[in-house]
């Protein structure tokens, strides 16, 4: 997984969606996002703010190195998109880490010391180098699929990759 700087200028306290998209009618945007999430089998709440995801990315990178740490990604998603929690706050992230069975004291130490800042900086540089402009982005064999896509588009992407590289085991 490569982390991407989505609205990196967002302050720790977050900003409203109205501030992020001034003059926009948010209703159709929210309805479309909700539709896409439902189609993907994901929950989606009535999100009113955007929050800085930098610390969440650092925590996720640490969690990936821990036994069963991958569970944190779904929990961060739900905190942000369903519960509208501020994932830019260390206290929220430490709580999430504990809820998925990770050591909250270690999570707090990682975040306070910014142990994975350089690693996420490298991800951000790589994403810029690759021309990534949004999330999620699927990239393989110089093929790119950007954004929340319907199942059929993902299936077509993977099928094309298998044809290009039949030796790859996707199972």
N, C-alpha and C. Protein backbone atom coordinates (compact mmCIF):
# COMPACT_ATOMS: atom_id res chain seq x y z
N UNK A 1 0.84 -1.17 0.00
CA UNK A 1 0.00 0.00 0.00
C UNK A 1 0.89 1.23 0.00
N UNK A 2 0.57 2.17 -0.87
CA UNK A 2 1.27 3.45 -0.91
C UNK A 2 0.29 4.50 -0.41
N UNK A 3 0.74 5.30 0.53
CA UNK A 3 -0.11 6.35 1.09
C UNK A 3 -0.08 7.58 0.22
N UNK A 4 -1.18 8.31 0.20
CA UNK A 4 -1.38 9.45 -0.69
C UNK A 4 -1.84 10.66 0.12
N UNK A 5 -1.29 11.84 -0.17
CA UNK A 5 -1.67 13.03 0.59
C UNK A 5 -3.00 13.64 0.14
N UNK A 6 -4.08 13.19 0.73
CA UNK A 6 -5.39 13.72 0.40
C UNK A 6 -5.66 14.95 1.27
N UNK A 7 -5.68 16.11 0.67
CA UNK A 7 -5.88 17.38 1.37
C UNK A 7 -4.90 17.55 2.53
N UNK A 8 -3.59 17.48 2.26
CA UNK A 8 -2.60 17.52 3.35
C UNK A 8 -2.55 18.85 4.10
N UNK A 9 -3.11 19.90 3.52
CA UNK A 9 -3.11 21.21 4.17
C UNK A 9 -4.21 21.34 5.22
N UNK A 10 -5.06 20.33 5.37
CA UNK A 10 -6.16 20.38 6.32
C UNK A 10 -5.61 20.50 7.74
N UNK A 11 -6.09 21.48 8.51
CA UNK A 11 -5.60 21.63 9.89
C UNK A 11 -6.08 20.47 10.77
N UNK A 12 -5.42 20.30 11.92
CA UNK A 12 -5.74 19.19 12.82
C UNK A 12 -7.22 19.16 13.20
N UNK A 13 -7.83 20.31 13.39
CA UNK A 13 -9.24 20.34 13.80
C UNK A 13 -10.19 20.04 12.64
N UNK A 14 -9.65 19.94 11.41
CA UNK A 14 -10.47 19.64 10.26
C UNK A 14 -11.17 20.87 9.73
N UNK A 15 -11.87 20.69 8.63
CA UNK A 15 -12.69 21.76 8.05
C UNK A 15 -13.99 21.15 7.56
N UNK A 16 -15.00 21.99 7.47
CA UNK A 16 -16.29 21.49 6.97
C UNK A 16 -16.18 21.21 5.48
N UNK A 17 -17.07 20.36 5.01
CA UNK A 17 -17.10 20.08 3.58
C UNK A 17 -17.47 21.33 2.79
N UNK A 18 -18.27 22.21 3.40
CA UNK A 18 -18.61 23.48 2.75
C UNK A 18 -17.37 24.34 2.54
N UNK A 19 -16.44 24.29 3.50
CA UNK A 19 -15.18 25.03 3.36
C UNK A 19 -14.28 24.38 2.31
N UNK A 20 -14.29 23.06 2.26
CA UNK A 20 -13.46 22.34 1.31
C UNK A 20 -13.94 22.54 -0.13
N UNK A 21 -15.25 22.58 -0.31
CA UNK A 21 -15.85 22.75 -1.63
C UNK A 21 -16.75 23.98 -1.65
N UNK A 22 -16.16 25.18 -1.54
CA UNK A 22 -16.99 26.39 -1.45
C UNK A 22 -17.87 26.59 -2.68
N UNK A 23 -19.11 26.94 -2.42
CA UNK A 23 -20.06 27.21 -3.49
C UNK A 23 -20.64 25.98 -4.16
N UNK A 24 -20.26 24.79 -3.70
CA UNK A 24 -20.77 23.56 -4.31
C UNK A 24 -22.02 23.08 -3.59
N UNK A 25 -22.90 22.46 -4.37
CA UNK A 25 -24.05 21.79 -3.78
C UNK A 25 -23.58 20.40 -3.35
N UNK A 26 -23.48 20.20 -2.05
CA UNK A 26 -22.93 18.95 -1.53
C UNK A 26 -23.90 17.78 -1.62
N UNK A 27 -25.19 18.05 -1.74
CA UNK A 27 -26.18 16.97 -1.74
C UNK A 27 -25.91 15.94 -2.83
N UNK A 28 -25.76 16.34 -4.11
CA UNK A 28 -25.50 15.31 -5.13
C UNK A 28 -24.17 14.59 -4.92
N UNK A 29 -23.16 15.31 -4.42
CA UNK A 29 -21.86 14.69 -4.16
C UNK A 29 -22.01 13.61 -3.09
N UNK A 30 -22.71 13.94 -2.00
CA UNK A 30 -22.90 12.98 -0.92
C UNK A 30 -23.76 11.80 -1.37
N UNK A 31 -24.79 12.08 -2.16
CA UNK A 31 -25.66 11.00 -2.65
C UNK A 31 -24.87 10.05 -3.54
N UNK A 32 -24.03 10.59 -4.42
CA UNK A 32 -23.23 9.76 -5.31
C UNK A 32 -22.24 8.92 -4.51
N UNK A 33 -21.58 9.55 -3.54
CA UNK A 33 -20.62 8.81 -2.71
C UNK A 33 -21.33 7.70 -1.95
N UNK A 34 -22.49 8.00 -1.39
CA UNK A 34 -23.26 6.98 -0.67
C UNK A 34 -23.65 5.83 -1.57
N UNK A 35 -24.05 6.14 -2.80
CA UNK A 35 -24.42 5.11 -3.77
C UNK A 35 -23.22 4.22 -4.09
N UNK A 36 -22.08 4.84 -4.35
CA UNK A 36 -20.87 4.07 -4.66
C UNK A 36 -20.45 3.19 -3.49
N UNK A 37 -20.56 3.73 -2.29
CA UNK A 37 -20.18 2.96 -1.11
C UNK A 37 -21.13 1.77 -0.91
N UNK A 38 -22.43 2.01 -1.07
CA UNK A 38 -23.40 0.91 -0.93
C UNK A 38 -23.13 -0.18 -1.96
N UNK A 39 -22.85 0.23 -3.20
CA UNK A 39 -22.55 -0.74 -4.26
C UNK A 39 -21.32 -1.57 -3.92
N UNK A 40 -20.38 -0.95 -3.20
CA UNK A 40 -19.15 -1.66 -2.81
C UNK A 40 -19.34 -2.43 -1.50
N UNK A 41 -20.54 -2.35 -0.92
CA UNK A 41 -20.82 -3.05 0.33
C UNK A 41 -20.22 -2.37 1.54
N UNK A 42 -20.00 -1.06 1.44
CA UNK A 42 -19.40 -0.30 2.53
C UNK A 42 -20.43 0.62 3.18
N UNK A 43 -20.30 0.77 4.47
CA UNK A 43 -21.16 1.72 5.19
C UNK A 43 -20.70 3.14 4.86
N UNK A 44 -21.64 4.06 4.94
CA UNK A 44 -21.31 5.47 4.70
C UNK A 44 -22.26 6.32 5.51
N UNK A 45 -21.71 7.22 6.30
CA UNK A 45 -22.52 8.08 7.15
C UNK A 45 -22.74 9.45 6.54
N UNK A 46 -23.20 10.37 7.35
CA UNK A 46 -23.43 11.73 6.90
C UNK A 46 -22.23 12.59 7.30
N UNK A 47 -21.15 12.42 6.58
CA UNK A 47 -19.89 13.12 6.88
C UNK A 47 -20.06 14.61 6.65
N UNK A 48 -19.64 15.39 7.63
CA UNK A 48 -19.76 16.85 7.53
C UNK A 48 -18.41 17.55 7.44
N UNK A 49 -17.33 16.84 7.76
CA UNK A 49 -16.00 17.44 7.79
C UNK A 49 -14.99 16.56 7.04
N UNK A 50 -13.89 17.18 6.70
CA UNK A 50 -12.72 16.43 6.27
C UNK A 50 -11.64 16.67 7.31
N UNK A 51 -10.85 15.66 7.57
CA UNK A 51 -9.80 15.75 8.58
C UNK A 51 -8.47 15.34 7.95
N UNK A 52 -7.41 15.81 8.54
CA UNK A 52 -6.08 15.49 8.04
C UNK A 52 -5.77 14.03 8.34
N UNK A 53 -5.45 13.28 7.30
CA UNK A 53 -5.23 11.84 7.45
C UNK A 53 -3.77 11.46 7.63
N UNK A 54 -2.90 12.43 7.76
CA UNK A 54 -1.45 12.16 7.84
C UNK A 54 -1.11 11.18 8.98
N UNK A 55 -1.56 11.48 10.21
CA UNK A 55 -1.24 10.61 11.33
C UNK A 55 -1.89 9.23 11.17
N UNK A 56 -3.07 9.19 10.57
CA UNK A 56 -3.73 7.90 10.33
C UNK A 56 -2.90 7.06 9.37
N UNK A 57 -2.27 7.70 8.39
CA UNK A 57 -1.41 6.97 7.46
C UNK A 57 -0.18 6.42 8.17
N UNK A 58 0.39 7.23 9.07
CA UNK A 58 1.55 6.76 9.83
C UNK A 58 1.16 5.59 10.74
N UNK A 59 0.00 5.71 11.37
CA UNK A 59 -0.47 4.62 12.23
C UNK A 59 -0.75 3.36 11.40
N UNK A 60 -1.36 3.52 10.24
CA UNK A 60 -1.64 2.39 9.37
C UNK A 60 -0.38 1.69 8.92
N UNK A 61 0.65 2.45 8.63
CA UNK A 61 1.93 1.85 8.22
C UNK A 61 2.52 1.03 9.36
N UNK A 62 2.44 1.56 10.59
CA UNK A 62 2.90 0.80 11.76
C UNK A 62 2.04 -0.45 11.96
N UNK A 63 0.73 -0.29 11.87
CA UNK A 63 -0.19 -1.41 12.10
C UNK A 63 0.07 -2.54 11.12
N UNK A 64 0.44 -2.21 9.89
CA UNK A 64 0.73 -3.24 8.88
C UNK A 64 1.90 -4.13 9.30
N UNK A 65 2.74 -3.64 10.20
CA UNK A 65 3.88 -4.44 10.66
C UNK A 65 3.55 -5.25 11.92
N UNK A 66 2.32 -5.13 12.41
CA UNK A 66 1.90 -5.81 13.63
C UNK A 66 1.00 -7.00 13.29
N UNK A 67 1.03 -8.05 14.11
CA UNK A 67 0.11 -9.17 13.88
C UNK A 67 -1.34 -8.69 13.88
N UNK A 68 -2.08 -9.06 12.85
CA UNK A 68 -3.50 -8.69 12.68
C UNK A 68 -3.71 -7.18 12.58
N UNK A 69 -2.67 -6.44 12.29
CA UNK A 69 -2.76 -4.99 12.23
C UNK A 69 -3.56 -4.45 11.06
N UNK A 70 -3.77 -5.28 10.03
CA UNK A 70 -4.50 -4.80 8.86
C UNK A 70 -5.94 -4.39 9.20
N UNK A 71 -6.44 -4.86 10.32
CA UNK A 71 -7.81 -4.51 10.74
C UNK A 71 -7.97 -3.02 10.99
N UNK A 72 -6.87 -2.33 11.23
CA UNK A 72 -6.97 -0.91 11.54
C UNK A 72 -7.50 -0.11 10.36
N UNK A 73 -7.23 -0.55 9.14
CA UNK A 73 -7.64 0.21 7.97
C UNK A 73 -9.17 0.32 7.88
N UNK A 74 -9.87 -0.78 8.10
CA UNK A 74 -11.33 -0.72 8.10
C UNK A 74 -11.85 0.14 9.23
N UNK A 75 -11.21 0.06 10.39
CA UNK A 75 -11.67 0.85 11.53
C UNK A 75 -11.43 2.34 11.31
N UNK A 76 -10.32 2.70 10.68
CA UNK A 76 -10.08 4.12 10.36
C UNK A 76 -11.09 4.58 9.32
N UNK A 77 -11.36 3.75 8.31
CA UNK A 77 -12.38 4.07 7.31
C UNK A 77 -13.72 4.37 8.00
N UNK A 78 -14.15 3.46 8.87
CA UNK A 78 -15.44 3.65 9.55
C UNK A 78 -15.45 4.88 10.45
N UNK A 79 -14.34 5.13 11.13
CA UNK A 79 -14.27 6.32 11.98
C UNK A 79 -14.45 7.57 11.13
N UNK A 80 -13.83 7.60 9.98
CA UNK A 80 -13.85 8.79 9.12
C UNK A 80 -15.14 8.92 8.32
N UNK A 81 -15.50 7.86 7.58
CA UNK A 81 -16.62 7.95 6.65
C UNK A 81 -17.98 7.63 7.26
N UNK A 82 -18.01 6.91 8.35
CA UNK A 82 -19.29 6.53 8.95
C UNK A 82 -19.57 7.35 10.20
N UNK A 83 -18.59 7.40 11.10
CA UNK A 83 -18.80 8.07 12.39
C UNK A 83 -18.39 9.53 12.40
N UNK A 84 -17.75 10.01 11.31
CA UNK A 84 -17.36 11.41 11.20
C UNK A 84 -16.41 11.83 12.33
N UNK A 85 -15.49 10.92 12.72
CA UNK A 85 -14.53 11.21 13.78
C UNK A 85 -13.28 11.85 13.20
N UNK A 86 -12.62 12.65 14.01
CA UNK A 86 -11.42 13.36 13.58
C UNK A 86 -10.21 12.43 13.66
N UNK A 87 -9.84 11.85 12.51
CA UNK A 87 -8.70 10.94 12.45
C UNK A 87 -7.38 11.69 12.39
N UNK A 88 -7.41 12.99 12.56
CA UNK A 88 -6.19 13.78 12.66
C UNK A 88 -5.72 13.92 14.10
N UNK A 89 -6.52 13.41 15.03
CA UNK A 89 -6.19 13.51 16.45
C UNK A 89 -5.57 12.21 16.96
N UNK A 90 -4.45 12.35 17.63
CA UNK A 90 -3.78 11.19 18.19
C UNK A 90 -4.70 10.41 19.11
N UNK A 91 -5.47 11.11 19.94
CA UNK A 91 -6.34 10.41 20.90
C UNK A 91 -7.34 9.50 20.19
N UNK A 92 -7.92 9.94 19.08
CA UNK A 92 -8.86 9.11 18.33
C UNK A 92 -8.15 7.89 17.73
N UNK A 93 -6.97 8.11 17.19
CA UNK A 93 -6.23 7.02 16.56
C UNK A 93 -5.77 5.98 17.57
N UNK A 94 -5.34 6.44 18.74
CA UNK A 94 -4.92 5.50 19.78
C UNK A 94 -6.10 4.65 20.23
N UNK A 95 -7.26 5.28 20.33
CA UNK A 95 -8.48 4.55 20.70
C UNK A 95 -8.81 3.49 19.65
N UNK A 96 -8.72 3.86 18.39
CA UNK A 96 -9.00 2.92 17.30
C UNK A 96 -8.01 1.76 17.34
N UNK A 97 -6.74 2.06 17.57
CA UNK A 97 -5.72 1.00 17.65
C UNK A 97 -6.09 0.00 18.74
N UNK A 98 -6.46 0.50 19.90
CA UNK A 98 -6.84 -0.39 21.00
C UNK A 98 -8.06 -1.22 20.67
N UNK A 99 -9.03 -0.62 19.97
CA UNK A 99 -10.27 -1.34 19.63
C UNK A 99 -10.03 -2.50 18.67
N UNK A 100 -8.96 -2.44 17.87
CA UNK A 100 -8.68 -3.55 16.95
C UNK A 100 -7.63 -4.51 17.51
N UNK A 101 -7.29 -4.33 18.78
CA UNK A 101 -6.38 -5.27 19.44
C UNK A 101 -4.91 -4.91 19.38
N UNK A 102 -4.60 -3.71 18.91
CA UNK A 102 -3.20 -3.27 18.92
C UNK A 102 -2.91 -2.57 20.24
N UNK A 103 -1.65 -2.55 20.61
CA UNK A 103 -1.26 -1.93 21.87
C UNK A 103 -1.39 -0.41 21.77
N UNK A 104 -2.33 0.18 22.52
CA UNK A 104 -2.54 1.62 22.43
C UNK A 104 -1.33 2.43 22.88
N UNK A 105 -0.58 1.92 23.85
CA UNK A 105 0.62 2.65 24.30
C UNK A 105 1.67 2.71 23.20
N UNK A 106 1.85 1.60 22.50
CA UNK A 106 2.80 1.59 21.37
C UNK A 106 2.30 2.51 20.25
N UNK A 107 1.00 2.48 19.98
CA UNK A 107 0.43 3.35 18.94
C UNK A 107 0.68 4.82 19.29
N UNK A 108 0.44 5.18 20.54
CA UNK A 108 0.65 6.58 20.96
C UNK A 108 2.12 6.96 20.82
N UNK A 109 3.00 6.07 21.20
CA UNK A 109 4.44 6.35 21.10
C UNK A 109 4.85 6.56 19.63
N UNK A 110 4.36 5.69 18.75
CA UNK A 110 4.66 5.80 17.32
C UNK A 110 4.21 7.16 16.79
N UNK A 111 2.99 7.56 17.18
CA UNK A 111 2.44 8.82 16.69
C UNK A 111 3.13 10.03 17.32
N UNK A 112 3.37 9.97 18.61
CA UNK A 112 4.03 11.10 19.28
C UNK A 112 5.44 11.32 18.76
N UNK A 113 6.17 10.22 18.51
CA UNK A 113 7.55 10.32 18.05
C UNK A 113 7.67 10.51 16.53
N UNK A 114 6.53 10.32 15.84
CA UNK A 114 6.49 10.43 14.37
C UNK A 114 7.51 9.47 13.73
N UNK A 115 7.56 8.26 14.28
CA UNK A 115 8.52 7.26 13.83
C UNK A 115 8.38 6.90 12.35
N UNK A 116 7.19 7.02 11.79
CA UNK A 116 6.98 6.61 10.39
C UNK A 116 6.76 7.79 9.46
N UNK A 117 7.08 8.99 9.92
CA UNK A 117 6.93 10.19 9.09
C UNK A 117 7.72 10.07 7.79
N UNK A 118 8.99 9.69 7.88
CA UNK A 118 9.83 9.60 6.68
C UNK A 118 9.31 8.53 5.72
N UNK A 119 8.81 7.45 6.25
CA UNK A 119 8.28 6.39 5.41
C UNK A 119 7.05 6.87 4.64
N UNK A 120 6.17 7.58 5.31
CA UNK A 120 4.98 8.12 4.63
C UNK A 120 5.40 9.24 3.66
N UNK A 121 6.41 10.04 4.02
CA UNK A 121 6.94 11.05 3.09
C UNK A 121 7.38 10.39 1.79
N UNK A 122 8.05 9.23 1.89
CA UNK A 122 8.50 8.50 0.70
C UNK A 122 7.31 8.04 -0.13
N UNK A 123 6.25 7.57 0.54
CA UNK A 123 5.03 7.18 -0.17
C UNK A 123 4.45 8.37 -0.92
N UNK A 124 4.39 9.51 -0.25
CA UNK A 124 3.82 10.70 -0.90
C UNK A 124 4.65 11.09 -2.12
N UNK A 125 5.98 11.03 -2.00
CA UNK A 125 6.85 11.36 -3.13
C UNK A 125 6.61 10.38 -4.28
N UNK A 126 6.50 9.09 -3.97
CA UNK A 126 6.24 8.09 -4.99
C UNK A 126 4.89 8.31 -5.66
N UNK A 127 3.88 8.65 -4.87
CA UNK A 127 2.56 8.88 -5.47
C UNK A 127 2.61 10.08 -6.43
N UNK A 128 3.35 11.12 -6.06
CA UNK A 128 3.50 12.27 -6.98
C UNK A 128 4.25 11.85 -8.24
N UNK A 129 5.32 11.07 -8.06
CA UNK A 129 6.12 10.59 -9.19
C UNK A 129 5.28 9.76 -10.16
N UNK A 130 4.37 8.97 -9.61
CA UNK A 130 3.51 8.10 -10.44
C UNK A 130 2.33 8.85 -11.03
N UNK A 131 2.14 10.11 -10.62
CA UNK A 131 1.03 10.90 -11.15
C UNK A 131 -0.31 10.57 -10.53
N UNK A 132 -0.31 9.99 -9.36
CA UNK A 132 -1.55 9.65 -8.68
C UNK A 132 -2.25 10.94 -8.24
N UNK A 133 -3.55 11.01 -8.54
CA UNK A 133 -4.30 12.23 -8.25
C UNK A 133 -5.49 11.99 -7.33
N UNK A 134 -5.76 10.76 -6.98
CA UNK A 134 -6.91 10.48 -6.13
C UNK A 134 -6.83 9.09 -5.53
N UNK A 135 -7.75 8.83 -4.63
CA UNK A 135 -7.81 7.53 -3.97
C UNK A 135 -9.20 6.92 -4.14
N UNK A 136 -9.26 5.61 -4.19
CA UNK A 136 -8.12 4.70 -4.32
C UNK A 136 -7.57 4.75 -5.74
N UNK A 137 -6.32 4.36 -5.89
CA UNK A 137 -5.70 4.18 -7.20
C UNK A 137 -5.12 2.78 -7.24
N UNK A 138 -5.47 2.06 -8.27
CA UNK A 138 -4.93 0.73 -8.50
C UNK A 138 -3.93 0.84 -9.64
N UNK A 139 -2.72 0.36 -9.39
CA UNK A 139 -1.65 0.51 -10.37
C UNK A 139 -0.88 -0.80 -10.49
N UNK A 140 -0.71 -1.27 -11.72
CA UNK A 140 0.10 -2.45 -11.98
C UNK A 140 0.45 -2.48 -13.46
N UNK A 141 1.66 -2.90 -13.77
CA UNK A 141 2.11 -3.01 -15.16
C UNK A 141 1.81 -1.75 -15.97
N UNK A 142 2.03 -0.61 -15.34
CA UNK A 142 1.82 0.71 -15.95
C UNK A 142 0.37 0.97 -16.34
N UNK A 143 -0.56 0.22 -15.76
CA UNK A 143 -1.99 0.48 -15.92
C UNK A 143 -2.50 1.09 -14.63
N UNK A 144 -3.41 2.04 -14.77
CA UNK A 144 -3.92 2.75 -13.60
C UNK A 144 -5.44 2.80 -13.65
N UNK A 145 -6.05 2.59 -12.50
CA UNK A 145 -7.50 2.75 -12.33
C UNK A 145 -7.69 3.65 -11.11
N UNK A 146 -8.32 4.80 -11.31
CA UNK A 146 -8.42 5.81 -10.25
C UNK A 146 -9.85 5.97 -9.79
N UNK A 147 -9.99 6.10 -8.47
CA UNK A 147 -11.28 6.45 -7.88
C UNK A 147 -12.12 5.24 -7.52
N UNK A 148 -13.19 5.53 -6.85
CA UNK A 148 -14.14 4.49 -6.44
C UNK A 148 -14.84 4.00 -7.71
N UNK A 149 -14.57 2.76 -8.07
CA UNK A 149 -15.07 2.22 -9.32
C UNK A 149 -16.06 1.09 -9.06
N UNK A 150 -16.99 0.88 -9.99
CA UNK A 150 -17.89 -0.26 -9.84
C UNK A 150 -17.12 -1.57 -9.98
N UNK A 151 -17.69 -2.61 -9.45
CA UNK A 151 -17.08 -3.94 -9.48
C UNK A 151 -16.63 -4.32 -10.89
N UNK A 152 -17.47 -4.04 -11.87
CA UNK A 152 -17.16 -4.43 -13.25
C UNK A 152 -15.86 -3.80 -13.75
N UNK A 153 -15.59 -2.56 -13.36
CA UNK A 153 -14.35 -1.89 -13.78
C UNK A 153 -13.14 -2.56 -13.12
N UNK A 154 -13.27 -2.90 -11.84
CA UNK A 154 -12.17 -3.60 -11.16
C UNK A 154 -11.93 -4.98 -11.78
N UNK A 155 -13.02 -5.68 -12.09
CA UNK A 155 -12.91 -7.01 -12.70
C UNK A 155 -12.20 -6.91 -14.05
N UNK A 156 -12.56 -5.92 -14.84
CA UNK A 156 -11.94 -5.72 -16.15
C UNK A 156 -10.45 -5.40 -15.99
N UNK A 157 -10.11 -4.58 -15.01
CA UNK A 157 -8.72 -4.22 -14.72
C UNK A 157 -7.90 -5.47 -14.38
N UNK A 158 -8.41 -6.29 -13.46
CA UNK A 158 -7.69 -7.50 -13.05
C UNK A 158 -7.60 -8.50 -14.20
N UNK A 159 -8.69 -8.67 -14.94
CA UNK A 159 -8.68 -9.58 -16.09
C UNK A 159 -7.62 -9.16 -17.09
N UNK A 160 -7.52 -7.87 -17.34
CA UNK A 160 -6.51 -7.36 -18.27
C UNK A 160 -5.09 -7.63 -17.74
N UNK A 161 -4.90 -7.46 -16.44
CA UNK A 161 -3.58 -7.73 -15.85
C UNK A 161 -3.21 -9.20 -15.97
N UNK A 162 -4.19 -10.08 -15.78
CA UNK A 162 -3.93 -11.52 -15.90
C UNK A 162 -3.52 -11.86 -17.32
N UNK A 163 -4.16 -11.23 -18.29
CA UNK A 163 -3.79 -11.47 -19.69
C UNK A 163 -2.37 -10.98 -19.97
N UNK A 164 -1.99 -9.86 -19.36
CA UNK A 164 -0.64 -9.32 -19.55
C UNK A 164 0.42 -10.18 -18.86
N UNK A 165 0.07 -10.71 -17.71
CA UNK A 165 1.03 -11.45 -16.88
C UNK A 165 0.38 -12.71 -16.33
N UNK A 166 0.18 -13.72 -17.15
CA UNK A 166 -0.53 -14.93 -16.67
C UNK A 166 0.22 -15.67 -15.56
N UNK A 167 1.50 -15.38 -15.37
CA UNK A 167 2.25 -16.05 -14.31
C UNK A 167 1.93 -15.49 -12.93
N UNK A 168 1.28 -14.36 -12.86
CA UNK A 168 0.92 -13.77 -11.57
C UNK A 168 -0.25 -14.52 -10.97
N UNK A 169 -0.13 -14.90 -9.72
CA UNK A 169 -1.21 -15.60 -9.02
C UNK A 169 -1.98 -14.57 -8.19
N UNK A 170 -3.21 -14.26 -8.58
CA UNK A 170 -4.03 -13.29 -7.86
C UNK A 170 -4.86 -13.95 -6.78
N UNK A 171 -4.77 -15.26 -6.62
CA UNK A 171 -5.60 -15.98 -5.66
C UNK A 171 -5.06 -16.11 -4.33
